[in-house]
Amino acid sequence: LVPPGACKASQVRDELPSKNAKQDDSLQREQLPMWFKAVREMSNPVQSAYLQTLLLTGARRRELAALKWEDVDFQWLKMTIRDKVEGERIIPLTPYVAHLLLALKAKNEAQPTVRWLRTLEKRNESWKPSEWVFSSKLAANGQLVDPTPGHKRALKAAGLPDITLHGLRRSFGTLAEWTEAPAGVIAQI
């Protein structure tokens, strides 16, 4: 439906994003301690765990946000991510990521405060644990919606440059190369 050459006009080209990959949108090895310290100190444990898991798995932000408890296998240390390319993929659940997710699971299954129960009563709702790993009580669908503001605050607190959530995915690839892991393994994860 779009005529050939529609994007060749300079007015259109000026409005379209660049085709070049972002070069400065990833964490460097030397920045990791500052980033982890700032993210671990976040007041929201769900966002903190989400950001750390995003970096450590290389998942896309929406893939990880859509993770449900049924997709996490603590026994065999793996998780199934709904992939926008291949449908789904199974990735290993490292001990540290498992630790982060187990803490969220315990928080998710804990009985809520009396104050929260009263809020639910007013809405004619009852309490049950969330199906989402990265849940949010305030979101309409119950899952984490936008962790970007929290991530920006953590970056600022650490004195780091602005890095997008997709930049954490880029960081995974860059840092995995530094560990000299085989490129095929990195691509599969």
N, C-alpha and C. Protein backbone atom coordinates (compact mmCIF):
# COMPACT_ATOMS: atom_id res chain seq x y z
N LEU A 1 0.81 -1.20 0.00
CA LEU A 1 0.00 0.00 0.00
C LEU A 1 0.85 1.26 0.00
N VAL A 2 2.09 1.15 0.46
CA VAL A 2 2.98 2.31 0.47
C VAL A 2 3.72 2.36 -0.86
N PRO A 3 3.68 3.49 -1.53
CA PRO A 3 4.36 3.57 -2.84
C PRO A 3 5.87 3.44 -2.70
N PRO A 4 6.52 2.82 -3.68
CA PRO A 4 7.98 2.70 -3.63
C PRO A 4 8.62 4.09 -3.55
N GLY A 5 9.67 4.20 -2.76
CA GLY A 5 10.39 5.47 -2.64
C GLY A 5 9.74 6.46 -1.70
N ALA A 6 8.71 6.04 -0.97
CA ALA A 6 8.00 6.96 -0.08
C ALA A 6 8.90 7.51 1.02
N CYS A 7 9.92 6.77 1.39
CA CYS A 7 10.80 7.20 2.48
C CYS A 7 12.07 7.86 1.99
N LYS A 8 12.14 8.15 0.70
CA LYS A 8 13.36 8.76 0.15
C LYS A 8 13.38 10.28 0.28
N ALA A 9 12.24 10.89 0.44
CA ALA A 9 12.20 12.34 0.56
C ALA A 9 12.93 12.77 1.83
N SER A 10 13.66 13.86 1.78
CA SER A 10 14.45 14.30 2.93
C SER A 10 13.56 14.62 4.14
N GLN A 11 12.36 15.13 3.92
CA GLN A 11 11.46 15.44 5.03
C GLN A 11 11.10 14.16 5.79
N VAL A 12 10.86 13.08 5.08
CA VAL A 12 10.51 11.81 5.70
C VAL A 12 11.74 11.20 6.38
N ARG A 13 12.89 11.22 5.68
CA ARG A 13 14.13 10.65 6.24
C ARG A 13 14.51 11.33 7.55
N ASP A 14 14.29 12.64 7.64
CA ASP A 14 14.64 13.37 8.86
C ASP A 14 13.79 12.93 10.05
N GLU A 15 12.59 12.46 9.79
CA GLU A 15 11.69 12.05 10.87
C GLU A 15 11.90 10.61 11.32
N LEU A 16 12.49 9.77 10.45
CA LEU A 16 12.67 8.35 10.76
C LEU A 16 13.91 8.15 11.63
N PRO A 17 13.88 7.15 12.54
CA PRO A 17 15.06 6.89 13.35
C PRO A 17 16.21 6.34 12.51
N SER A 18 17.40 6.50 13.00
CA SER A 18 18.60 6.03 12.31
C SER A 18 18.62 4.51 12.24
N LYS A 19 19.21 3.98 11.17
CA LYS A 19 19.32 2.52 11.02
C LYS A 19 20.51 1.98 11.79
N ASN A 20 21.39 2.85 12.22
CA ASN A 20 22.60 2.40 12.91
C ASN A 20 22.31 1.95 14.33
N ALA A 21 23.00 0.91 14.77
CA ALA A 21 22.84 0.42 16.14
C ALA A 21 23.42 1.44 17.11
N LYS A 22 22.83 1.54 18.27
CA LYS A 22 23.34 2.46 19.29
C LYS A 22 24.66 1.92 19.84
N GLN A 23 25.64 2.76 19.88
CA GLN A 23 26.96 2.33 20.33
C GLN A 23 27.13 2.52 21.84
N ASP A 24 26.53 3.57 22.41
CA ASP A 24 26.77 3.90 23.81
C ASP A 24 25.63 3.47 24.72
N ASP A 25 24.79 2.59 24.26
CA ASP A 25 23.62 2.20 25.05
C ASP A 25 23.82 0.82 25.67
N SER A 26 24.89 0.68 26.43
CA SER A 26 25.11 -0.57 27.15
C SER A 26 26.05 -0.31 28.32
N LEU A 27 25.96 -1.17 29.30
CA LEU A 27 26.85 -1.08 30.46
C LEU A 27 28.21 -1.63 30.11
N GLN A 28 29.22 -0.98 30.59
CA GLN A 28 30.58 -1.49 30.44
C GLN A 28 30.92 -2.32 31.67
N ARG A 29 31.87 -3.18 31.52
CA ARG A 29 32.29 -4.08 32.60
C ARG A 29 32.60 -3.31 33.88
N GLU A 30 33.27 -2.19 33.76
CA GLU A 30 33.67 -1.39 34.93
C GLU A 30 32.48 -0.73 35.62
N GLN A 31 31.36 -0.62 34.92
CA GLN A 31 30.17 0.03 35.48
C GLN A 31 29.27 -0.93 36.25
N LEU A 32 29.50 -2.23 36.11
CA LEU A 32 28.62 -3.22 36.72
C LEU A 32 28.49 -3.08 38.24
N PRO A 33 29.60 -2.94 39.00
CA PRO A 33 29.42 -2.83 40.45
C PRO A 33 28.54 -1.65 40.86
N MET A 34 28.71 -0.50 40.21
CA MET A 34 27.90 0.68 40.55
C MET A 34 26.44 0.46 40.17
N TRP A 35 26.22 -0.16 39.00
CA TRP A 35 24.85 -0.41 38.55
C TRP A 35 24.14 -1.38 39.49
N PHE A 36 24.79 -2.50 39.80
CA PHE A 36 24.16 -3.48 40.69
C PHE A 36 23.88 -2.88 42.07
N LYS A 37 24.81 -2.10 42.60
CA LYS A 37 24.60 -1.48 43.92
C LYS A 37 23.36 -0.59 43.90
N ALA A 38 23.26 0.27 42.88
CA ALA A 38 22.12 1.19 42.79
C ALA A 38 20.81 0.45 42.58
N VAL A 39 20.82 -0.59 41.75
CA VAL A 39 19.59 -1.33 41.47
C VAL A 39 19.16 -2.14 42.69
N ARG A 40 20.11 -2.72 43.40
CA ARG A 40 19.76 -3.48 44.61
C ARG A 40 19.19 -2.58 45.70
N GLU A 41 19.56 -1.31 45.69
CA GLU A 41 19.07 -0.37 46.71
C GLU A 41 17.73 0.27 46.36
N MET A 42 17.16 -0.10 45.23
CA MET A 42 15.86 0.46 44.84
C MET A 42 14.81 0.11 45.89
N SER A 43 13.85 1.01 46.08
CA SER A 43 12.81 0.78 47.07
C SER A 43 11.78 -0.25 46.61
N ASN A 44 11.68 -0.48 45.32
CA ASN A 44 10.70 -1.43 44.78
C ASN A 44 11.43 -2.75 44.46
N PRO A 45 11.21 -3.80 45.27
CA PRO A 45 11.92 -5.06 45.03
C PRO A 45 11.55 -5.75 43.72
N VAL A 46 10.35 -5.52 43.23
CA VAL A 46 9.94 -6.13 41.95
C VAL A 46 10.74 -5.49 40.81
N GLN A 47 10.83 -4.17 40.81
CA GLN A 47 11.60 -3.49 39.76
C GLN A 47 13.08 -3.85 39.86
N SER A 48 13.59 -3.93 41.07
CA SER A 48 15.00 -4.29 41.27
C SER A 48 15.29 -5.68 40.69
N ALA A 49 14.47 -6.65 41.02
CA ALA A 49 14.66 -8.01 40.52
C ALA A 49 14.47 -8.05 39.00
N TYR A 50 13.49 -7.30 38.50
CA TYR A 50 13.24 -7.26 37.06
C TYR A 50 14.46 -6.75 36.31
N LEU A 51 15.02 -5.63 36.75
CA LEU A 51 16.16 -5.04 36.05
C LEU A 51 17.38 -5.96 36.09
N GLN A 52 17.63 -6.58 37.24
CA GLN A 52 18.76 -7.49 37.34
C GLN A 52 18.54 -8.71 36.44
N THR A 53 17.34 -9.23 36.42
CA THR A 53 17.03 -10.39 35.58
C THR A 53 17.12 -10.03 34.11
N LEU A 54 16.69 -8.83 33.77
CA LEU A 54 16.77 -8.35 32.39
C LEU A 54 18.23 -8.35 31.92
N LEU A 55 19.12 -7.83 32.74
CA LEU A 55 20.54 -7.80 32.37
C LEU A 55 21.13 -9.20 32.32
N LEU A 56 20.81 -10.02 33.31
CA LEU A 56 21.47 -11.33 33.44
C LEU A 56 20.93 -12.40 32.47
N THR A 57 19.77 -12.15 31.87
CA THR A 57 19.23 -13.13 30.92
C THR A 57 19.30 -12.63 29.48
N GLY A 58 19.41 -11.33 29.28
CA GLY A 58 19.41 -10.79 27.93
C GLY A 58 18.04 -10.81 27.29
N ALA A 59 17.00 -10.99 28.07
CA ALA A 59 15.64 -11.06 27.53
C ALA A 59 15.18 -9.68 27.07
N ARG A 60 14.20 -9.66 26.20
CA ARG A 60 13.57 -8.40 25.81
C ARG A 60 12.67 -7.97 26.96
N ARG A 61 12.49 -6.68 27.09
CA ARG A 61 11.74 -6.15 28.24
C ARG A 61 10.32 -6.70 28.35
N ARG A 62 9.60 -6.80 27.23
CA ARG A 62 8.22 -7.29 27.28
C ARG A 62 8.16 -8.79 27.49
N GLU A 63 9.15 -9.51 26.97
CA GLU A 63 9.21 -10.96 27.20
C GLU A 63 9.32 -11.24 28.69
N LEU A 64 10.19 -10.49 29.36
CA LEU A 64 10.41 -10.72 30.78
C LEU A 64 9.22 -10.24 31.61
N ALA A 65 8.65 -9.10 31.24
CA ALA A 65 7.49 -8.58 31.98
C ALA A 65 6.31 -9.53 31.91
N ALA A 66 6.22 -10.32 30.84
CA ALA A 66 5.10 -11.25 30.65
C ALA A 66 5.36 -12.62 31.29
N LEU A 67 6.45 -12.76 32.02
CA LEU A 67 6.79 -14.03 32.65
C LEU A 67 5.80 -14.36 33.77
N LYS A 68 5.26 -15.57 33.72
CA LYS A 68 4.33 -16.04 34.76
C LYS A 68 5.03 -17.09 35.61
N TRP A 69 4.51 -17.31 36.80
CA TRP A 69 5.11 -18.30 37.70
C TRP A 69 5.12 -19.69 37.08
N GLU A 70 4.14 -20.00 36.27
CA GLU A 70 4.10 -21.32 35.63
C GLU A 70 5.24 -21.50 34.62
N ASP A 71 5.87 -20.38 34.21
CA ASP A 71 6.98 -20.44 33.25
C ASP A 71 8.34 -20.64 33.93
N VAL A 72 8.36 -20.61 35.25
CA VAL A 72 9.62 -20.73 35.99
C VAL A 72 9.68 -22.10 36.65
N ASP A 73 10.74 -22.85 36.39
CA ASP A 73 10.92 -24.18 36.94
C ASP A 73 12.12 -24.15 37.88
N PHE A 74 11.83 -24.04 39.18
CA PHE A 74 12.90 -23.97 40.17
C PHE A 74 13.57 -25.33 40.37
N GLN A 75 12.86 -26.41 40.10
CA GLN A 75 13.44 -27.74 40.28
C GLN A 75 14.55 -27.99 39.26
N TRP A 76 14.29 -27.70 37.99
CA TRP A 76 15.25 -27.96 36.93
C TRP A 76 15.99 -26.70 36.48
N LEU A 77 15.79 -25.63 37.22
CA LEU A 77 16.50 -24.36 36.99
C LEU A 77 16.45 -23.90 35.53
N LYS A 78 15.21 -23.64 35.10
CA LYS A 78 15.02 -23.12 33.75
C LYS A 78 13.76 -22.25 33.74
N MET A 79 13.66 -21.41 32.74
CA MET A 79 12.43 -20.63 32.57
C MET A 79 12.11 -20.52 31.09
N THR A 80 10.83 -20.48 30.81
CA THR A 80 10.33 -20.41 29.45
C THR A 80 9.88 -18.98 29.18
N ILE A 81 10.48 -18.40 28.18
CA ILE A 81 10.16 -17.03 27.80
C ILE A 81 9.42 -17.05 26.47
N ARG A 82 8.31 -16.32 26.42
CA ARG A 82 7.56 -16.20 25.18
C ARG A 82 8.32 -15.25 24.29
N ASP A 83 8.84 -15.76 23.20
CA ASP A 83 9.74 -15.03 22.31
C ASP A 83 8.96 -14.43 21.16
N LYS A 84 9.29 -13.20 20.79
CA LYS A 84 8.59 -12.57 19.67
C LYS A 84 9.03 -13.14 18.33
N VAL A 85 10.14 -13.87 18.33
CA VAL A 85 10.67 -14.41 17.07
C VAL A 85 10.29 -15.88 16.88
N GLU A 86 10.63 -16.72 17.86
CA GLU A 86 10.45 -18.17 17.71
C GLU A 86 9.26 -18.73 18.48
N GLY A 87 8.48 -17.91 19.11
CA GLY A 87 7.35 -18.41 19.89
C GLY A 87 7.67 -18.53 21.36
N GLU A 88 8.64 -19.36 21.68
CA GLU A 88 9.11 -19.45 23.06
C GLU A 88 10.50 -20.07 23.07
N ARG A 89 11.23 -19.77 24.12
CA ARG A 89 12.54 -20.38 24.28
C ARG A 89 12.75 -20.67 25.75
N ILE A 90 13.52 -21.70 26.03
CA ILE A 90 13.84 -22.09 27.39
C ILE A 90 15.27 -21.67 27.67
N ILE A 91 15.44 -20.91 28.75
CA ILE A 91 16.78 -20.46 29.11
C ILE A 91 17.11 -20.95 30.51
N PRO A 92 18.41 -21.09 30.82
CA PRO A 92 18.79 -21.56 32.14
C PRO A 92 18.47 -20.51 33.21
N LEU A 93 18.13 -21.00 34.38
CA LEU A 93 17.86 -20.15 35.53
C LEU A 93 19.10 -20.24 36.42
N THR A 94 19.93 -19.21 36.37
CA THR A 94 21.16 -19.24 37.16
C THR A 94 20.82 -19.17 38.65
N PRO A 95 21.73 -19.60 39.51
CA PRO A 95 21.46 -19.56 40.95
C PRO A 95 21.09 -18.16 41.45
N TYR A 96 21.75 -17.13 40.94
CA TYR A 96 21.44 -15.77 41.41
C TYR A 96 20.06 -15.33 40.96
N VAL A 97 19.72 -15.58 39.70
CA VAL A 97 18.38 -15.21 39.21
C VAL A 97 17.32 -16.02 39.95
N ALA A 98 17.60 -17.29 40.21
CA ALA A 98 16.66 -18.12 40.98
C ALA A 98 16.46 -17.52 42.37
N HIS A 99 17.53 -17.04 42.98
CA HIS A 99 17.45 -16.40 44.31
C HIS A 99 16.54 -15.16 44.23
N LEU A 100 16.74 -14.33 43.21
CA LEU A 100 15.90 -13.13 43.05
C LEU A 100 14.43 -13.50 42.89
N LEU A 101 14.16 -14.51 42.05
CA LEU A 101 12.77 -14.89 41.78
C LEU A 101 12.12 -15.59 42.97
N LEU A 102 12.89 -16.37 43.72
CA LEU A 102 12.34 -17.01 44.92
C LEU A 102 11.93 -15.97 45.96
N ALA A 103 12.71 -14.90 46.07
CA ALA A 103 12.34 -13.82 46.99
C ALA A 103 11.03 -13.16 46.55
N LEU A 104 10.86 -12.98 45.24
CA LEU A 104 9.61 -12.41 44.73
C LEU A 104 8.44 -13.36 44.96
N LYS A 105 8.71 -14.65 44.79
CA LYS A 105 7.64 -15.65 45.00
C LYS A 105 7.16 -15.63 46.44
N ALA A 106 8.10 -15.57 47.37
CA ALA A 106 7.73 -15.51 48.80
C ALA A 106 6.91 -14.25 49.09
N LYS A 107 7.32 -13.13 48.52
CA LYS A 107 6.59 -11.87 48.71
C LYS A 107 5.21 -11.97 48.07
N ASN A 108 5.13 -12.58 46.91
CA ASN A 108 3.86 -12.72 46.18
C ASN A 108 2.87 -13.58 46.95
N GLU A 109 3.37 -14.62 47.60
CA GLU A 109 2.48 -15.56 48.28
C GLU A 109 2.19 -15.18 49.73
N ALA A 110 2.85 -14.14 50.23
CA ALA A 110 2.62 -13.69 51.60
C ALA A 110 1.26 -13.00 51.70
N GLN A 111 0.60 -13.22 52.80
CA GLN A 111 -0.70 -12.58 53.05
C GLN A 111 -0.52 -11.06 53.04
N PRO A 112 -1.37 -10.32 52.32
CA PRO A 112 -1.22 -8.86 52.26
C PRO A 112 -1.57 -8.20 53.59
N THR A 113 -1.23 -6.93 53.69
CA THR A 113 -1.51 -6.17 54.90
C THR A 113 -3.02 -5.96 55.04
N VAL A 114 -3.42 -5.66 56.25
CA VAL A 114 -4.83 -5.39 56.53
C VAL A 114 -5.29 -4.20 55.69
N ARG A 115 -4.43 -3.22 55.56
CA ARG A 115 -4.77 -2.03 54.78
C ARG A 115 -5.07 -2.39 53.33
N TRP A 116 -4.25 -3.26 52.75
CA TRP A 116 -4.47 -3.66 51.36
C TRP A 116 -5.73 -4.50 51.24
N LEU A 117 -5.99 -5.37 52.22
CA LEU A 117 -7.22 -6.18 52.20
C LEU A 117 -8.46 -5.28 52.24
N ARG A 118 -8.40 -4.21 53.03
CA ARG A 118 -9.53 -3.27 53.08
C ARG A 118 -9.72 -2.57 51.74
N THR A 119 -8.62 -2.22 51.10
CA THR A 119 -8.70 -1.59 49.77
C THR A 119 -9.38 -2.53 48.79
N LEU A 120 -9.01 -3.81 48.84
CA LEU A 120 -9.63 -4.80 47.96
C LEU A 120 -11.11 -4.96 48.26
N GLU A 121 -11.46 -4.95 49.55
CA GLU A 121 -12.88 -5.05 49.96
C GLU A 121 -13.70 -3.92 49.36
N LYS A 122 -13.14 -2.72 49.41
CA LYS A 122 -13.85 -1.55 48.85
C LYS A 122 -14.09 -1.72 47.36
N ARG A 123 -13.21 -2.42 46.69
CA ARG A 123 -13.36 -2.66 45.24
C ARG A 123 -14.15 -3.93 44.95
N ASN A 124 -14.64 -4.59 45.98
CA ASN A 124 -15.33 -5.88 45.85
C ASN A 124 -14.44 -6.93 45.19
N GLU A 125 -13.18 -6.94 45.57
CA GLU A 125 -12.21 -7.90 45.06
C GLU A 125 -11.69 -8.73 46.22
N SER A 126 -11.20 -9.91 45.89
CA SER A 126 -10.58 -10.74 46.93
C SER A 126 -9.11 -10.92 46.59
N TRP A 127 -8.32 -11.26 47.59
CA TRP A 127 -6.88 -11.41 47.39
C TRP A 127 -6.53 -12.81 46.91
N LYS A 128 -5.60 -12.86 45.99
CA LYS A 128 -4.98 -14.12 45.60
C LYS A 128 -3.59 -13.76 45.07
N PRO A 129 -2.65 -14.69 45.16
CA PRO A 129 -1.31 -14.39 44.65
C PRO A 129 -1.36 -14.09 43.15
N SER A 130 -0.45 -13.23 42.72
CA SER A 130 -0.40 -12.86 41.31
C SER A 130 0.15 -14.00 40.46
N GLU A 131 -0.33 -14.11 39.25
CA GLU A 131 0.20 -15.10 38.32
C GLU A 131 1.50 -14.60 37.68
N TRP A 132 1.76 -13.29 37.78
CA TRP A 132 2.91 -12.66 37.15
C TRP A 132 4.12 -12.70 38.07
N VAL A 133 5.27 -13.02 37.54
CA VAL A 133 6.51 -12.99 38.32
C VAL A 133 6.81 -11.55 38.72
N PHE A 134 6.71 -10.63 37.76
CA PHE A 134 6.99 -9.23 38.03
C PHE A 134 5.65 -8.50 38.09
N SER A 135 5.01 -8.62 39.23
CA SER A 135 3.66 -8.12 39.40
C SER A 135 3.65 -6.68 39.90
N SER A 136 2.49 -6.05 39.72
CA SER A 136 2.27 -4.70 40.21
C SER A 136 0.84 -4.60 40.70
N LYS A 137 0.68 -4.20 41.94
CA LYS A 137 -0.67 -4.06 42.50
C LYS A 137 -1.42 -2.90 41.86
N LEU A 138 -0.68 -1.93 41.35
CA LEU A 138 -1.31 -0.73 40.81
C LEU A 138 -1.66 -0.83 39.32
N ALA A 139 -1.06 -1.77 38.62
CA ALA A 139 -1.31 -1.90 37.18
C ALA A 139 -2.66 -2.58 36.94
N ALA A 140 -3.34 -2.15 35.91
CA ALA A 140 -4.65 -2.70 35.59
C ALA A 140 -4.59 -4.20 35.29
N ASN A 141 -3.53 -4.64 34.60
CA ASN A 141 -3.43 -6.06 34.26
C ASN A 141 -2.63 -6.86 35.30
N GLY A 142 -2.12 -6.18 36.32
CA GLY A 142 -1.44 -6.87 37.41
C GLY A 142 0.04 -7.13 37.20
N GLN A 143 0.59 -6.74 36.05
CA GLN A 143 2.00 -6.98 35.80
C GLN A 143 2.75 -5.65 35.67
N LEU A 144 4.04 -5.70 35.91
CA LEU A 144 4.90 -4.53 35.83
C LEU A 144 4.74 -3.89 34.46
N VAL A 145 4.53 -2.58 34.44
CA VAL A 145 4.27 -1.90 33.18
C VAL A 145 5.49 -1.13 32.69
N ASP A 146 5.98 -0.18 33.47
CA ASP A 146 7.09 0.64 32.98
C ASP A 146 8.14 0.85 34.06
N PRO A 147 9.19 0.03 34.05
CA PRO A 147 10.26 0.18 35.03
C PRO A 147 11.28 1.25 34.65
N THR A 148 11.08 1.94 33.53
CA THR A 148 12.06 2.91 33.05
C THR A 148 12.33 4.02 34.06
N PRO A 149 11.32 4.66 34.66
CA PRO A 149 11.63 5.73 35.62
C PRO A 149 12.50 5.25 36.80
N GLY A 150 12.21 4.06 37.31
CA GLY A 150 13.02 3.52 38.39
C GLY A 150 14.44 3.24 37.95
N HIS A 151 14.58 2.73 36.73
CA HIS A 151 15.92 2.46 36.18
C HIS A 151 16.70 3.76 36.01
N LYS A 152 16.04 4.80 35.53
CA LYS A 152 16.71 6.10 35.35
C LYS A 152 17.17 6.66 36.69
N ARG A 153 16.36 6.50 37.74
CA ARG A 153 16.76 6.97 39.07
C ARG A 153 17.98 6.20 39.57
N ALA A 154 18.00 4.89 39.33
CA ALA A 154 19.14 4.07 39.75
C ALA A 154 20.41 4.48 38.99
N LEU A 155 20.29 4.72 37.69
CA LEU A 155 21.43 5.17 36.90
C LEU A 155 21.97 6.49 37.42
N LYS A 156 21.05 7.39 37.74
CA LYS A 156 21.46 8.70 38.26
C LYS A 156 22.15 8.54 39.61
N ALA A 157 21.59 7.71 40.48
CA ALA A 157 22.19 7.48 41.81
C ALA A 157 23.58 6.87 41.69
N ALA A 158 23.81 6.06 40.67
CA ALA A 158 25.10 5.42 40.47
C ALA A 158 26.08 6.31 39.71
N GLY A 159 25.58 7.44 39.19
CA GLY A 159 26.43 8.32 38.41
C GLY A 159 26.77 7.76 37.04
N LEU A 160 25.85 6.96 36.51
CA LEU A 160 26.08 6.33 35.21
C LEU A 160 25.32 7.06 34.11
N PRO A 161 25.78 6.95 32.86
CA PRO A 161 25.05 7.59 31.75
C PRO A 161 23.70 6.92 31.53
N ASP A 162 22.86 7.60 30.80
CA ASP A 162 21.52 7.07 30.50
C ASP A 162 21.64 5.83 29.63
N ILE A 163 21.05 4.74 30.09
CA ILE A 163 21.04 3.47 29.36
C ILE A 163 19.60 2.99 29.33
N THR A 164 19.11 2.64 28.16
CA THR A 164 17.73 2.19 28.03
C THR A 164 17.60 0.76 28.54
N LEU A 165 16.36 0.31 28.68
CA LEU A 165 16.12 -1.08 29.06
C LEU A 165 16.64 -2.01 27.97
N HIS A 166 16.49 -1.62 26.71
CA HIS A 166 17.04 -2.44 25.63
C HIS A 166 18.57 -2.43 25.67
N GLY A 167 19.13 -1.36 26.23
CA GLY A 167 20.57 -1.29 26.42
C GLY A 167 21.07 -2.37 27.38
N LEU A 168 20.21 -2.80 28.32
CA LEU A 168 20.59 -3.91 29.20
C LEU A 168 20.69 -5.20 28.40
N ARG A 169 19.84 -5.35 27.40
CA ARG A 169 19.92 -6.52 26.51
C ARG A 169 21.23 -6.48 25.71
N ARG A 170 21.57 -5.28 25.21
CA ARG A 170 22.85 -5.13 24.51
C ARG A 170 24.01 -5.44 25.44
N SER A 171 23.87 -5.01 26.70
CA SER A 171 24.93 -5.24 27.69
C SER A 171 25.15 -6.73 27.89
N PHE A 172 24.06 -7.51 27.91
CA PHE A 172 24.18 -8.96 28.07
C PHE A 172 25.08 -9.53 26.99
N GLY A 173 24.83 -9.15 25.75
CA GLY A 173 25.63 -9.66 24.63
C GLY A 173 27.08 -9.23 24.73
N THR A 174 27.31 -7.97 25.04
CA THR A 174 28.67 -7.45 25.14
C THR A 174 29.43 -8.11 26.28
N LEU A 175 28.77 -8.22 27.44
CA LEU A 175 29.43 -8.80 28.60
C LEU A 175 29.62 -10.30 28.45
N ALA A 176 28.72 -10.96 27.75
CA ALA A 176 28.87 -12.40 27.52
C ALA A 176 30.08 -12.66 26.63
N GLU A 177 30.32 -11.78 25.66
CA GLU A 177 31.53 -11.90 24.84
C GLU A 177 32.78 -11.77 25.69
N TRP A 178 32.75 -10.88 26.67
CA TRP A 178 33.88 -10.66 27.56
C TRP A 178 34.22 -11.94 28.33
N THR A 179 33.20 -12.74 28.67
CA THR A 179 33.44 -13.99 29.40
C THR A 179 33.95 -15.09 28.48
N GLU A 180 34.02 -14.79 27.17
CA GLU A 180 34.48 -15.72 26.16
C GLU A 180 33.58 -16.95 26.04
N ALA A 181 32.30 -16.76 26.34
CA ALA A 181 31.32 -17.83 26.12
C ALA A 181 31.16 -17.99 24.61
N PRO A 182 30.92 -19.21 24.14
CA PRO A 182 30.74 -19.41 22.71
C PRO A 182 29.56 -18.58 22.16
N ALA A 183 29.77 -17.99 21.00
CA ALA A 183 28.75 -17.12 20.40
C ALA A 183 27.43 -17.87 20.20
N GLY A 184 27.46 -19.15 19.87
CA GLY A 184 26.24 -19.93 19.68
C GLY A 184 25.43 -20.05 20.96
N VAL A 185 26.11 -20.19 22.08
CA VAL A 185 25.43 -20.29 23.38
C VAL A 185 24.77 -18.96 23.71
N ILE A 186 25.49 -17.87 23.49
CA ILE A 186 24.94 -16.53 23.75
C ILE A 186 23.70 -16.30 22.90
N ALA A 187 23.79 -16.67 21.63
CA ALA A 187 22.65 -16.47 20.71
C ALA A 187 21.45 -17.33 21.14
N GLN A 188 21.70 -18.56 21.62
CA GLN A 188 20.59 -19.40 22.06
C GLN A 188 19.90 -18.81 23.28
N ILE A 189 20.65 -18.29 24.22
CA ILE A 189 20.06 -17.68 25.41
C ILE A 189 19.29 -16.45 24.99
